[in-house]
Protein backbone atom coordinates (compact mmCIF):
# COMPACT_ATOMS: atom_id res chain seq x y z
CA MET A 1 80.09 66.65 112.71
CA SER A 2 83.79 66.71 113.57
CA LEU A 3 85.76 68.94 111.21
CA PRO A 4 89.51 68.63 110.61
CA GLN A 5 91.48 70.97 112.84
CA GLY A 6 93.63 72.04 109.89
CA PHE A 7 90.55 73.20 108.00
CA LEU A 8 89.28 75.22 110.99
CA ASP A 9 92.72 76.80 111.49
CA GLU A 10 92.86 77.77 107.83
CA LEU A 11 89.36 79.27 107.95
CA ARG A 12 90.19 81.32 111.06
CA ALA A 13 93.31 82.63 109.29
CA ARG A 14 91.35 83.72 106.22
CA VAL A 15 88.55 85.40 108.20
CA GLY A 16 89.82 88.62 109.75
CA LEU A 17 88.26 88.73 113.21
CA ALA A 18 88.33 92.53 113.50
CA ALA A 19 86.83 92.89 110.01
CA LEU A 20 84.13 90.34 110.81
CA ILE A 21 83.15 91.98 114.09
CA GLY A 22 83.56 95.44 112.58
CA ARG A 23 80.49 94.82 110.44
CA ARG A 24 78.36 95.03 113.59
CA VAL A 25 80.52 96.95 116.04
CA ARG A 26 82.26 100.26 115.48
CA LEU A 27 85.80 99.38 116.51
CA GLN A 28 88.68 101.68 117.33
CA ARG A 29 92.30 100.55 117.14
CA LYS A 30 94.23 100.73 120.42
CA GLY A 31 97.75 99.37 120.10
CA ARG A 32 97.45 95.78 118.89
CA GLU A 33 93.80 95.48 119.89
CA HIS A 34 90.45 96.96 118.87
CA SER A 35 87.74 98.15 121.23
CA GLY A 36 84.11 99.17 120.96
CA LEU A 37 80.66 98.93 122.54
CA CYS A 38 79.71 95.36 123.34
CA PRO A 39 77.07 93.94 120.96
CA PHE A 40 75.83 91.53 123.63
CA HIS A 41 74.69 94.02 126.26
CA ASN A 42 73.83 97.71 126.47
CA GLU A 43 76.70 99.92 127.55
CA LYS A 44 77.80 103.51 127.15
CA THR A 45 81.52 103.02 127.79
CA PRO A 46 83.43 100.53 125.57
CA SER A 47 84.42 97.36 127.39
CA PHE A 48 84.49 95.04 124.35
CA THR A 49 87.97 94.09 123.06
CA VAL A 50 89.04 92.26 119.91
CA ASN A 51 92.52 90.74 119.79
CA GLU A 52 93.28 89.83 116.17
CA ALA A 53 96.63 88.22 116.93
CA LYS A 54 95.21 85.88 119.56
CA GLY A 55 92.02 85.30 117.59
CA PHE A 56 89.42 86.09 120.25
CA TYR A 57 87.07 88.80 121.52
CA HIS A 58 86.24 89.50 125.16
CA CYS A 59 83.85 91.82 126.97
CA PHE A 60 84.95 92.92 130.41
CA GLY A 61 81.40 94.02 131.13
CA CYS A 62 79.28 90.93 130.46
CA GLY A 63 82.01 88.32 130.05
CA ALA A 64 81.21 87.41 126.41
CA HIS A 65 84.20 85.60 124.94
CA GLY A 66 84.94 83.61 121.80
CA ASP A 67 86.36 83.42 118.29
CA ALA A 68 85.00 84.08 114.79
CA PHE A 69 82.75 81.01 114.90
CA SER A 70 81.21 81.82 118.27
CA PHE A 71 80.65 85.47 117.27
CA VAL A 72 78.58 84.41 114.27
CA MET A 73 76.75 81.84 116.39
CA GLN A 74 75.87 84.37 119.08
CA THR A 75 74.94 87.27 116.81
CA GLU A 76 73.04 85.31 114.16
CA GLY A 77 71.66 82.42 116.19
CA LEU A 78 73.41 79.79 114.08
CA SER A 79 74.76 76.38 115.02
CA PHE A 80 78.49 75.77 114.92
CA GLN A 81 78.16 73.88 111.64
CA ASP A 82 76.07 76.66 110.06
CA ALA A 83 78.52 79.32 111.25
CA VAL A 84 81.44 77.40 109.75
CA GLU A 85 79.61 76.97 106.44
CA ARG A 86 78.71 80.68 106.24
CA LEU A 87 82.27 81.83 106.95
CA ALA A 88 83.71 79.21 104.62
CA GLY A 89 81.46 80.47 101.84
CA GLU A 90 82.76 84.03 102.35
CA ALA A 91 86.36 82.81 102.39
CA GLY A 92 85.93 80.69 99.26
CA MET A 93 86.58 77.41 101.08
CA GLU A 94 84.68 74.15 100.81
CA VAL A 95 83.62 72.51 104.07
CA PRO A 96 84.85 68.89 104.24
CA LYS A 97 82.08 66.33 103.90
CA PRO A 98 81.27 64.18 106.98
CA THR A 99 82.24 60.92 105.33
CA PRO A 100 83.96 57.89 106.88
CA GLU A 101 86.81 58.61 104.47
CA ALA A 102 87.16 62.16 105.85
CA ARG A 103 87.27 60.86 109.42
CA ALA A 104 89.85 58.28 108.43
CA ALA A 105 91.92 60.99 106.71
CA ALA A 106 91.90 63.08 109.91
CA VAL A 107 93.15 60.10 111.91
CA ARG A 108 95.81 59.37 109.28
CA GLN A 109 96.94 63.00 109.29
CA ALA A 110 97.42 62.96 113.08
CA SER A 111 99.42 59.77 112.70
CA LEU A 112 101.61 61.31 109.98
CA GLN A 113 102.36 64.29 112.21
CA GLU A 114 103.72 61.87 114.80
CA VAL A 115 105.91 60.33 112.07
CA VAL A 116 107.33 63.76 111.15
CA GLU A 117 107.98 64.54 114.82
CA ALA A 118 109.89 61.25 115.15
CA ALA A 119 111.97 62.18 112.11
CA CYS A 120 112.73 65.59 113.64
CA GLN A 121 114.17 63.91 116.72
CA VAL A 122 116.30 61.61 114.54
CA PHE A 123 117.71 64.61 112.64
CA GLU A 124 118.42 66.48 115.91
CA LYS A 125 120.40 63.53 117.27
CA ALA A 126 122.32 63.13 114.01
CA LEU A 127 123.57 66.73 114.19
CA LYS A 128 125.34 65.88 117.46
CA THR A 129 127.15 62.81 116.06
CA ALA A 130 130.33 62.52 114.01
CA ASP A 131 128.19 62.63 110.85
CA GLY A 132 127.11 66.16 111.76
CA ALA A 133 130.57 67.62 112.44
CA ASP A 134 130.74 69.66 109.22
CA ALA A 135 127.17 70.84 109.69
CA ARG A 136 127.93 71.98 113.26
CA ALA A 137 131.01 73.83 112.03
CA TYR A 138 128.96 75.56 109.32
CA LEU A 139 126.34 76.72 111.85
CA GLN A 140 129.09 78.03 114.12
CA ARG A 141 130.62 79.98 111.22
CA ARG A 142 127.21 81.51 110.62
CA GLY A 143 127.28 82.73 114.22
CA LEU A 144 124.53 80.53 115.66
CA SER A 145 124.79 79.66 119.33
CA GLN A 146 124.04 76.21 120.68
CA ARG A 147 120.97 77.67 122.39
CA THR A 148 119.68 78.94 119.03
CA VAL A 149 120.35 75.60 117.34
CA GLU A 150 118.33 73.83 120.03
CA ARG A 151 115.59 76.45 120.06
CA PHE A 152 114.93 75.99 116.32
CA ARG A 153 115.48 72.23 116.59
CA LEU A 154 118.02 72.22 113.77
CA GLY A 155 119.18 68.81 112.64
CA PHE A 156 121.21 66.97 110.04
CA ALA A 157 120.41 64.34 107.43
CA PRO A 158 123.64 62.34 106.78
CA ASP A 159 124.70 61.66 103.22
CA ARG A 160 124.03 57.99 103.72
CA ARG A 161 121.18 56.28 101.92
CA GLY A 162 118.82 54.39 104.19
CA PHE A 163 119.74 56.32 107.35
CA LEU A 164 116.31 57.77 108.15
CA VAL A 165 114.37 54.82 106.77
CA ASP A 166 116.25 52.41 109.01
CA ALA A 167 115.98 54.68 112.08
CA LEU A 168 112.19 55.12 111.77
CA GLN A 169 111.36 51.60 110.70
CA GLY A 170 113.13 50.51 113.87
CA GLU A 171 110.43 52.43 115.77
CA GLY A 172 107.65 50.54 114.01
CA ILE A 173 106.88 53.20 111.40
CA LYS A 174 105.69 51.67 108.13
CA PRO A 175 107.31 52.51 104.77
CA GLN A 176 104.05 53.90 103.35
CA GLN A 177 103.83 56.35 106.24
CA LEU A 178 107.30 57.69 105.37
CA VAL A 179 106.17 58.28 101.79
CA GLU A 180 102.90 59.97 102.80
CA ALA A 181 104.76 62.19 105.29
CA GLY A 182 107.11 63.44 102.55
CA LEU A 183 110.18 61.84 104.14
CA ALA A 184 110.95 59.20 101.52
CA LYS A 185 110.01 58.12 98.03
CA GLN A 186 109.88 54.76 96.34
CA ASP A 187 112.51 53.88 93.74
CA GLU A 188 111.11 53.86 90.22
CA ASP A 189 111.71 50.11 90.05
CA GLY A 190 109.63 49.66 93.21
CA GLY A 191 112.63 48.68 95.29
CA ARG A 192 114.12 50.30 98.40
CA LEU A 193 112.79 53.54 99.83
CA ARG A 194 115.01 56.58 99.28
CA GLU A 195 115.14 59.49 101.73
CA TYR A 196 113.99 62.89 100.55
CA PHE A 197 116.72 64.62 102.61
CA PHE A 198 120.35 63.53 102.71
CA GLY A 199 123.60 65.45 103.11
CA ARG A 200 121.67 68.50 104.34
CA ILE A 201 121.21 70.66 107.42
CA VAL A 202 117.55 70.25 108.32
CA PHE A 203 115.21 73.06 109.39
CA PRO A 204 111.95 71.77 110.95
CA ILE A 205 108.81 73.59 109.75
CA ALA A 206 105.90 73.91 112.18
CA ASP A 207 102.23 74.57 111.52
CA ARG A 208 100.18 77.33 113.12
CA ARG A 209 99.83 75.30 116.29
CA GLY A 210 103.57 74.71 116.59
CA ARG A 211 103.57 71.05 115.45
CA ILE A 212 106.36 69.91 113.13
CA VAL A 213 104.82 69.03 109.75
CA ALA A 214 107.67 69.34 107.23
CA PHE A 215 111.35 70.17 106.74
CA GLY A 216 113.60 72.44 104.75
CA GLY A 217 117.10 71.28 103.96
CA ARG A 218 120.31 73.14 103.02
CA ARG A 219 122.79 71.23 100.92
CA MET A 220 126.22 70.71 102.51
CA GLY A 221 128.01 69.13 99.57
CA GLU A 222 127.73 69.31 95.79
CA GLY A 223 124.72 68.34 93.69
CA GLY A 224 121.04 69.15 93.90
CA PRO A 225 119.36 72.45 94.74
CA LYS A 226 120.89 74.55 97.52
CA TYR A 227 117.61 74.53 99.48
CA LEU A 228 114.92 71.89 99.36
CA ASN A 229 111.51 71.68 101.06
CA SER A 230 109.33 68.71 101.86
CA PRO A 231 106.88 68.03 99.04
CA ASP A 232 103.30 69.22 99.43
CA GLY A 233 101.01 66.60 100.89
CA SER A 234 98.18 66.06 103.35
CA LEU A 235 100.23 67.59 106.18
CA PHE A 236 102.05 70.40 104.42
CA HIS A 237 101.29 73.04 101.79
CA LYS A 238 104.23 75.41 101.50
CA GLY A 239 102.12 78.34 100.25
CA GLU A 240 99.90 78.26 103.34
CA LEU A 241 102.46 78.52 106.15
CA LEU A 242 105.16 80.89 107.31
CA TYR A 243 108.39 79.71 108.87
CA ASN A 244 108.54 80.54 112.62
CA LEU A 245 104.89 81.64 112.65
CA LYS A 246 103.87 80.54 116.15
CA PRO A 247 106.99 81.87 117.96
CA ALA A 248 106.63 85.18 116.08
CA GLN A 249 103.01 85.42 117.18
CA GLU A 250 104.04 84.84 120.80
CA ALA A 251 106.78 87.48 120.51
CA LEU A 252 104.26 90.03 119.25
CA ARG A 253 102.01 89.34 122.23
CA ASN A 254 104.71 89.65 124.85
CA ALA A 255 106.92 92.50 123.61
CA LYS A 256 106.87 95.69 121.56
CA GLN A 257 108.19 94.19 118.34
CA ARG A 258 107.33 94.57 114.69
CA LEU A 259 106.61 91.65 112.41
CA VAL A 260 109.53 91.35 109.97
CA MET A 261 109.10 89.13 106.92
CA VAL A 262 112.38 87.96 105.36
CA GLU A 263 113.30 85.55 102.58
CA GLY A 264 114.87 82.47 104.18
CA TYR A 265 115.32 80.20 107.19
CA MET A 266 118.76 81.48 108.15
CA ASP A 267 117.57 85.08 108.03
CA VAL A 268 114.75 84.29 110.46
CA ILE A 269 117.07 82.43 112.81
CA ALA A 270 119.72 85.16 112.75
CA LEU A 271 117.08 87.81 113.41
CA ALA A 272 115.61 85.90 116.32
CA GLN A 273 119.05 85.38 117.87
CA ALA A 274 119.72 89.15 117.56
CA GLY A 275 116.47 89.99 119.38
CA PHE A 276 114.12 90.39 116.38
CA GLU A 277 111.98 87.48 117.52
CA ALA A 278 108.86 88.36 115.50
CA ALA A 279 110.47 87.25 112.22
CA VAL A 280 108.91 84.95 109.63
CA ALA A 281 109.67 83.79 106.08
CA PRO A 282 107.82 82.16 103.20
CA LEU A 283 108.87 78.61 102.44
CA GLY A 284 110.90 78.88 99.28
CA THR A 285 108.15 80.61 97.28
CA ALA A 286 107.04 84.14 96.48
CA MET A 287 104.63 85.48 99.10
CA THR A 288 101.16 83.97 98.59
CA GLU A 289 97.72 85.39 99.36
CA THR A 290 97.36 82.98 102.28
CA GLN A 291 100.72 83.98 103.72
CA LEU A 292 99.80 87.67 103.50
CA ALA A 293 96.51 86.91 105.26
CA LEU A 294 98.44 85.12 108.03
CA ALA A 295 100.70 88.14 108.48
CA TRP A 296 97.78 90.59 108.49
CA ARG A 297 96.10 88.54 111.15
CA LEU A 298 99.07 89.29 113.41
CA VAL A 299 99.63 92.98 112.59
CA ASP A 300 98.07 95.57 110.29
CA GLU A 301 101.29 96.50 108.52
CA PRO A 302 103.96 93.78 108.39
CA LEU A 303 107.44 94.92 107.38
CA LEU A 304 108.91 93.02 104.44
CA CYS A 305 112.72 93.06 104.38
CA LEU A 306 114.20 92.40 100.92
CA ASP A 307 117.79 91.98 99.76
CA GLY A 308 119.17 95.06 98.05
CA ASP A 309 119.95 93.35 94.74
CA GLU A 310 118.11 92.78 91.49
CA ALA A 311 116.40 89.71 92.92
CA GLY A 312 115.06 91.84 95.77
CA ARG A 313 113.69 94.37 93.28
CA ARG A 314 111.98 91.61 91.31
CA ALA A 315 110.50 90.29 94.55
CA ALA A 316 109.13 93.77 95.25
CA SER A 317 107.46 93.89 91.84
CA ARG A 318 105.85 90.49 92.39
CA LEU A 319 104.71 91.62 95.82
CA ILE A 320 102.92 94.64 94.37
CA GLU A 321 100.98 92.41 91.96
CA ARG A 322 100.07 89.99 94.75
CA ALA A 323 99.22 92.48 97.51
CA LEU A 324 97.27 95.26 95.79
CA PRO A 325 94.07 93.27 95.12
CA LEU A 326 94.01 92.13 98.77
CA LEU A 327 94.36 95.51 100.51
CA GLU A 328 91.72 96.51 103.05
CA PRO A 329 91.36 99.68 105.14
CA GLY A 330 94.21 99.66 107.64
CA LYS A 331 95.87 96.60 106.10
CA SER A 332 99.05 97.28 104.13
CA LEU A 333 102.79 96.54 104.01
CA ASP A 334 106.05 98.38 104.61
CA ILE A 335 109.09 97.39 102.55
CA ALA A 336 112.73 97.80 103.57
CA PHE A 337 115.61 97.25 101.14
CA LEU A 338 119.02 96.19 102.43
CA PRO A 339 122.35 97.45 101.04
CA GLU A 340 123.58 95.89 97.80
CA GLY A 341 125.03 92.44 98.43
CA GLU A 342 123.61 92.13 101.96
CA ASP A 343 120.91 89.94 103.45
CA PRO A 344 119.59 90.27 107.04
CA ASP A 345 121.98 87.58 108.30
CA SER A 346 125.10 89.17 106.77
CA LEU A 347 124.08 92.70 107.79
CA LEU A 348 123.59 91.59 111.39
CA ARG A 349 127.03 89.96 111.44
CA SER A 350 128.75 93.01 109.92
CA GLY A 351 126.85 95.87 111.56
CA GLY A 352 124.83 94.38 114.39
CA PRO A 353 121.18 95.11 115.31
CA ASP A 354 121.62 98.89 114.94
CA ALA A 355 122.53 98.55 111.26
CA LEU A 356 119.49 96.43 110.57
CA ASN A 357 117.21 98.68 112.64
CA ALA A 358 118.34 101.69 110.61
CA ARG A 359 117.29 99.93 107.41
CA LEU A 360 113.98 98.83 108.84
CA ASP A 361 113.31 102.36 110.09
CA ALA A 362 113.86 103.63 106.54
CA SER A 363 111.20 101.31 105.09
CA LEU A 364 108.79 102.48 102.41
CA PRO A 365 105.00 102.22 102.61
CA LEU A 366 103.55 99.98 99.90
CA ALA A 367 101.93 102.97 98.18
CA GLU A 368 105.30 104.70 97.86
CA LEU A 369 106.85 101.53 96.43
CA VAL A 370 104.01 101.27 93.89
CA TRP A 371 104.72 104.83 92.76
CA ARG A 372 108.50 104.36 92.51
CA GLU A 373 108.23 101.05 90.67
CA ALA A 374 105.80 102.57 88.16
CA LEU A 375 107.85 105.75 87.64
CA GLY A 376 111.19 103.99 87.24
CA PRO A 377 114.61 105.61 87.69
CA ILE A 378 114.01 108.37 85.10
CA PRO A 379 110.79 110.42 84.78
CA PRO A 380 109.07 110.33 81.36
CA SER A 381 110.31 112.89 78.82
CA THR A 382 107.42 113.08 76.35
CA PRO A 383 103.65 113.65 76.60
CA GLU A 384 103.04 110.13 75.32
CA ARG A 385 105.18 108.59 78.05
CA TRP A 386 103.52 110.71 80.72
CA ALA A 387 100.15 109.52 79.41
CA ALA A 388 101.37 105.91 79.56
CA LEU A 389 102.52 106.39 83.15
CA LYS A 390 99.17 107.87 84.13
CA ALA A 391 97.32 104.94 82.55
CA LYS A 392 99.60 102.49 84.35
CA LEU A 393 99.02 104.16 87.72
CA LEU A 394 95.26 104.22 87.28
CA GLY A 395 95.36 100.57 86.21
CA LEU A 396 97.27 99.62 89.36
CA ALA A 397 94.78 101.47 91.55
CA SER A 398 91.80 99.88 89.78
CA GLY A 399 93.17 96.43 90.64
CA ILE A 400 92.51 97.02 94.35
CA GLY A 401 89.38 95.18 95.42
CA ASN A 402 88.30 97.42 98.29
CA ALA A 403 86.58 100.55 96.94
CA SER A 404 87.74 102.83 99.76
CA VAL A 405 91.39 101.79 99.50
CA GLN A 406 91.19 101.98 95.70
CA GLU A 407 89.98 105.58 95.93
CA SER A 408 92.75 106.50 98.37
CA TYR A 409 95.41 104.92 96.15
CA ARG A 410 94.10 106.69 93.08
CA ALA A 411 94.26 110.05 94.89
CA PHE A 412 97.77 109.34 96.23
CA LEU A 413 99.17 108.19 92.89
CA MET A 414 97.63 111.08 90.98
CA ASP A 415 99.04 113.53 93.54
CA ARG A 416 102.50 112.08 92.97
CA TYR A 417 101.97 112.06 89.21
CA TYR A 418 101.03 115.73 88.99
CA ALA A 419 103.80 116.70 91.40
CA ALA A 420 106.33 114.90 89.19
CA ARG A 421 104.98 116.60 86.05
CA ARG A 422 105.09 120.02 87.64
CA PRO A 423 107.75 122.17 85.91
CA GLN A 424 110.65 122.96 88.20
CA ARG A 425 110.77 126.71 88.82
CA PRO A 426 113.30 128.79 90.78
CA VAL A 427 112.40 128.65 94.45
CA ALA A 428 112.31 132.44 94.80
CA SER A 429 109.48 132.78 92.28
CA GLY A 430 107.10 130.75 94.43
CA PRO A 431 104.20 128.62 93.14
CA ARG A 432 101.59 130.20 90.88
CA ARG A 433 97.93 130.01 91.87
CA TRP A 434 95.04 129.30 89.55
CA LYS A 435 92.93 132.35 88.91
CA ASP A 436 89.25 131.68 88.45
CA LYS A 437 86.92 134.28 86.92
CA ARG A 438 84.74 133.90 89.99
CA ASP A 439 87.66 134.91 92.22
CA GLU A 440 89.20 138.06 90.73
CA SER A 441 91.07 138.62 93.99
CA ALA A 442 93.23 135.52 93.54
CA PRO A 443 96.74 136.68 92.55
CA ASN A 444 98.53 135.26 89.54
CA ARG A 445 101.87 135.17 91.27
CA THR A 446 103.11 134.69 94.78
CA LYS A 447 103.38 137.85 96.84
CA PRO A 448 106.84 138.92 97.98
CA GLY A 449 107.89 137.07 101.11
CA LEU A 450 105.52 134.12 100.60
CA GLU A 451 108.45 131.72 100.16
CA GLY A 452 109.68 132.60 103.63
CA GLN A 453 106.15 132.20 104.96
CA ARG A 454 105.93 128.73 103.39
CA GLN A 455 109.17 127.59 105.02
CA ARG A 456 107.99 129.01 108.35
CA ARG A 457 104.73 127.06 108.05
CA GLU A 458 106.66 123.89 107.30
CA ARG A 459 108.76 124.28 110.46
CA GLU A 460 105.68 125.12 112.54
CA CYS A 461 103.90 122.04 111.23
CA LEU A 462 106.87 119.84 112.12
CA ALA A 463 107.11 121.35 115.60
CA VAL A 464 103.44 120.58 116.26
CA VAL A 465 103.90 116.98 115.14
CA LEU A 466 107.06 116.51 117.22
CA ASN A 467 105.56 117.93 120.40
CA HIS A 468 102.10 116.39 119.95
CA PRO A 469 102.61 113.04 118.16
CA GLY A 470 99.42 111.54 119.55
CA ARG A 471 97.26 114.24 117.95
CA ALA A 472 99.33 114.21 114.78
CA SER A 473 98.81 110.45 114.40
CA LEU A 474 95.12 111.16 113.70
CA HIS A 475 96.21 112.98 110.52
CA LEU A 476 99.17 110.78 109.58
CA GLU A 477 97.97 109.80 106.11
CA GLU A 478 97.25 113.39 105.13
CA LEU A 479 100.52 114.63 106.62
CA ALA A 480 102.37 112.04 104.54
CA THR A 481 100.95 113.54 101.33
CA LEU A 482 102.32 117.04 102.06
CA GLU A 483 105.24 118.13 99.91
CA PHE A 484 107.57 120.55 101.68
CA GLN A 485 109.55 122.92 99.46
CA VAL A 486 112.68 122.71 101.61
CA LEU A 487 114.25 119.38 100.66
CA GLU A 488 115.93 118.99 104.05
CA LEU A 489 112.59 119.46 105.84
CA GLU A 490 110.83 117.13 103.37
CA ARG A 491 113.26 114.32 104.19
CA PHE A 492 112.95 115.06 107.89
CA LYS A 493 109.15 115.00 107.65
CA ALA A 494 109.27 111.63 105.87
CA SER A 495 111.36 110.16 108.71
CA VAL A 496 108.99 111.61 111.32
CA ILE A 497 106.01 110.03 109.53
CA ASP A 498 107.83 106.69 109.23
CA CYS A 499 108.60 106.66 112.97
CA LEU A 500 104.99 107.39 113.93
CA ALA A 501 103.57 104.95 111.38
CA SER A 502 105.72 102.09 112.67
CA ALA A 503 105.25 102.96 116.36
CA PRO A 504 102.04 104.99 116.92
CA GLU A 505 102.47 104.78 120.69
CA LEU A 506 105.64 106.96 120.69
CA ASP A 507 105.43 110.00 122.93
CA SER A 508 107.23 113.24 122.12
CA GLU A 509 110.39 112.40 124.04
CA ALA A 510 110.71 108.92 122.54
CA LEU A 511 110.06 110.28 119.05
CA ARG A 512 112.79 112.92 119.39
CA ARG A 513 115.19 110.32 120.76
CA GLN A 514 114.57 108.03 117.81
CA LEU A 515 115.02 110.86 115.31
CA SER A 516 118.26 111.92 116.99
CA SER A 517 119.59 108.38 116.54
CA LEU A 518 118.82 108.71 112.81
CA GLY A 519 121.03 111.81 112.55
CA TYR A 520 118.45 114.59 112.88
CA ALA A 521 119.70 116.17 116.12
CA ALA A 522 120.59 119.48 114.45
CA LEU A 523 117.26 119.72 112.64
CA LEU A 524 115.41 118.98 115.87
CA ASP A 525 117.12 121.95 117.50
CA GLN A 526 116.24 124.11 114.51
CA VAL A 527 112.57 123.14 114.43
CA LEU A 528 111.96 123.03 118.18
CA SER A 529 113.23 126.56 118.77
CA SER A 530 111.93 129.58 120.64
CA ALA A 531 111.64 131.43 117.31
CA VAL A 532 109.13 128.86 116.04
CA TYR A 533 107.25 128.81 119.35
CA ALA A 534 106.99 132.60 119.36
CA LEU A 535 105.08 132.58 116.06
CA CYS A 536 102.99 129.46 116.69
CA ALA A 537 101.60 128.86 120.18
CA ALA A 538 100.18 125.46 119.17
CA ALA A 539 103.69 124.21 118.44
CA ARG A 540 104.78 124.53 122.05
CA PRO A 541 104.94 121.55 124.42
CA GLY A 542 101.87 121.49 126.63
CA ALA A 543 99.72 123.52 124.25
CA ASP A 544 95.96 123.03 124.46
CA GLU A 545 94.97 119.91 122.50
CA ASN A 546 92.03 121.65 120.82
CA GLN A 547 94.35 124.43 119.70
CA VAL A 548 96.82 121.86 118.40
CA GLY A 549 94.13 120.02 116.48
CA ARG A 550 92.77 123.21 114.90
CA MET A 551 96.24 124.33 113.88
CA LEU A 552 96.99 120.97 112.25
CA GLU A 553 93.70 120.96 110.36
CA THR A 554 94.31 124.51 109.16
CA VAL A 555 97.81 123.71 107.92
CA LEU A 556 96.57 120.59 106.15
CA ALA A 557 93.71 122.53 104.56
CA ASP A 558 96.09 125.26 103.42
CA PHE A 559 98.44 122.76 101.82
CA ALA A 560 95.46 120.96 100.26
CA ARG A 561 94.36 124.23 98.65
CA GLU A 562 97.82 124.75 97.18
CA ARG A 563 97.86 121.18 95.88
CA ALA A 564 94.41 121.66 94.37
CA ALA A 565 95.57 124.83 92.64
CA VAL A 566 98.48 122.93 91.09
CA ALA A 567 96.06 120.24 89.88
CA VAL A 568 93.90 122.92 88.27
CA ARG A 569 96.91 124.34 86.39
CA GLU A 570 97.91 120.87 85.24
CA ALA A 571 94.35 120.15 84.09
CA GLU A 572 94.24 123.46 82.22
CA THR A 573 97.47 122.51 80.46
CA GLU A 574 95.98 119.15 79.45
CA VAL A 575 92.87 120.87 78.10
CA ALA A 576 95.04 123.24 76.07
CA GLU A 577 97.03 120.32 74.67
CA ASP A 578 94.07 118.02 74.00
CA LEU A 579 90.52 119.31 74.38
CA ASN A 580 88.14 116.39 74.88
CA GLU A 581 85.48 115.19 77.32
CA GLU A 582 87.99 113.47 79.58
CA THR A 583 90.32 116.47 79.97
CA LEU A 584 87.36 118.81 80.50
CA ALA A 585 85.96 116.50 83.17
CA SER A 586 89.37 116.41 84.87
CA LEU A 587 89.50 120.20 84.86
CA GLU A 588 86.02 120.51 86.36
CA ALA A 589 86.89 117.95 89.03
CA ALA A 590 90.10 119.82 89.86
CA LYS A 591 88.19 123.09 90.19
CA ARG A 592 85.66 121.44 92.50
CA ASP A 593 88.52 120.17 94.67
CA TYR A 594 89.97 123.68 94.83
CA GLU A 595 86.62 125.17 95.82
CA ALA A 596 86.14 122.49 98.47
CA ALA A 597 89.59 123.30 99.88
CA GLU A 598 88.70 127.00 99.99
CA ARG A 599 85.45 126.21 101.84
CA ARG A 600 87.32 124.02 104.31
CA LEU A 601 89.74 126.85 105.08
CA LEU A 602 86.91 129.35 105.51
CA ALA A 603 85.12 127.02 107.92
CA LEU A 604 88.26 126.61 110.01
CA ALA A 605 88.78 130.37 110.09
CA MET A 606 85.36 130.94 111.63
CA PRO A 607 85.31 131.21 115.46
């Protein structure tokens, strides 16, 4: 049975290759690829590679090679048709029936694509004529070079009824084909065909294979919506494609770039011209589940760049609702907000690539955005409002489909919740510790000098991360949850984590260089000092990796114990305010976490 290519492309996009293979092979992430022991022959050293972006696996040992379909065929002994049907069932897709009508539809679809390609060439030619003079001037004012215009195949639809219909009918294209391709529509009285695009700059839209299947148009004069897309049809479904998808995929393969998702055509084009070639955009709609799946197939954590206005904030809220249920281990989003009144195109023209890079570098992880959106600009001021916030946070976490990610989100959001509720005390007093009857030695108050010790530990921790980023990357998620008492060091730590999260391959020198460019040169000198090295050998460059790892684990365990103690105090307060089964269970759970943290520290202290 011959299946439509569009259906197979859609199925490949929905089935994550690394996730599929990861059910049978223990994969480890290495850059943009995954590696593991080959399932097709016995080996002790991994030679099996999975490239999610390119959609294939390959074993350098036995030569096994293929895509999602062939993997299922080889591992389960299925035919191609059976493999397609099994994967389609998992993805919630219906396999097209092998009917004469289906075959005819596939032939008709290929023919319609040729019609759209012919229209694209007509629009390109029109931009170069006298009709396109104003459009050319507009593109020049927007800073687009002739090379960029040609690269994105920009065109123009003159404000002259019958222009495209006449041009394409002269090439033997039938009126019904123009209607089916979304290029024209019939007058209500059944008379002359009317073009869908006129008086607009035209942006060709390609499918995942790079074939033109639709158009977006920007109005040049008055009347009608500012932007208009081709209508959905057999060739084009706007919620299932991303603008500039195939070139962005190629850019990710060939260069060290990050996938940047923006809001419109001009933003993508301006980014690409400025060197941000792995840029994509939805097609006039809020981000859909299919579009997120497409992005996650290219990279684990796409970076969504939103305008810094109210519309951008609303888009962020919609994104949270759409993305949370779809999260999987390792699959998330980063979100960058631009200055008020700026979009990527305008920011590039006013500040250049450095200005945009600075904003992208300051992006927020999705989890942080979820917390900030739920909290709002002002923390709650009454117990009832705090309770409402807690219920909201737990509700957001429970909406995540993957159990492991849901658990991690719940822990992260509750950590932030209890930290926000914590009464603000003078720094000199230090944090109180919970005193359990089973631990009479635990002090009620911080010993003199502990505040200085805490700040010293924070600097030592940062020095270890800066000098040993590769080892620190293994603990990145836990490091991100630490809360430093020194606000300046907390902000610095957040920037360090952001740099490593967006570019895990950074070595120490590159990491310090990037942080210096963000304005942290003075702090780098303060943290990477002989005074810090004298007290912490593991912080020094060239320290033994085992020593570095043990020091990091000890610091993380120590901070975890402090955080657990805070949670116990908060739970005790809740029990005092409202004694019930839920608050008692929370208290018992908090005490268990504290005891587990104590055991972890004891284990690390043993030789």
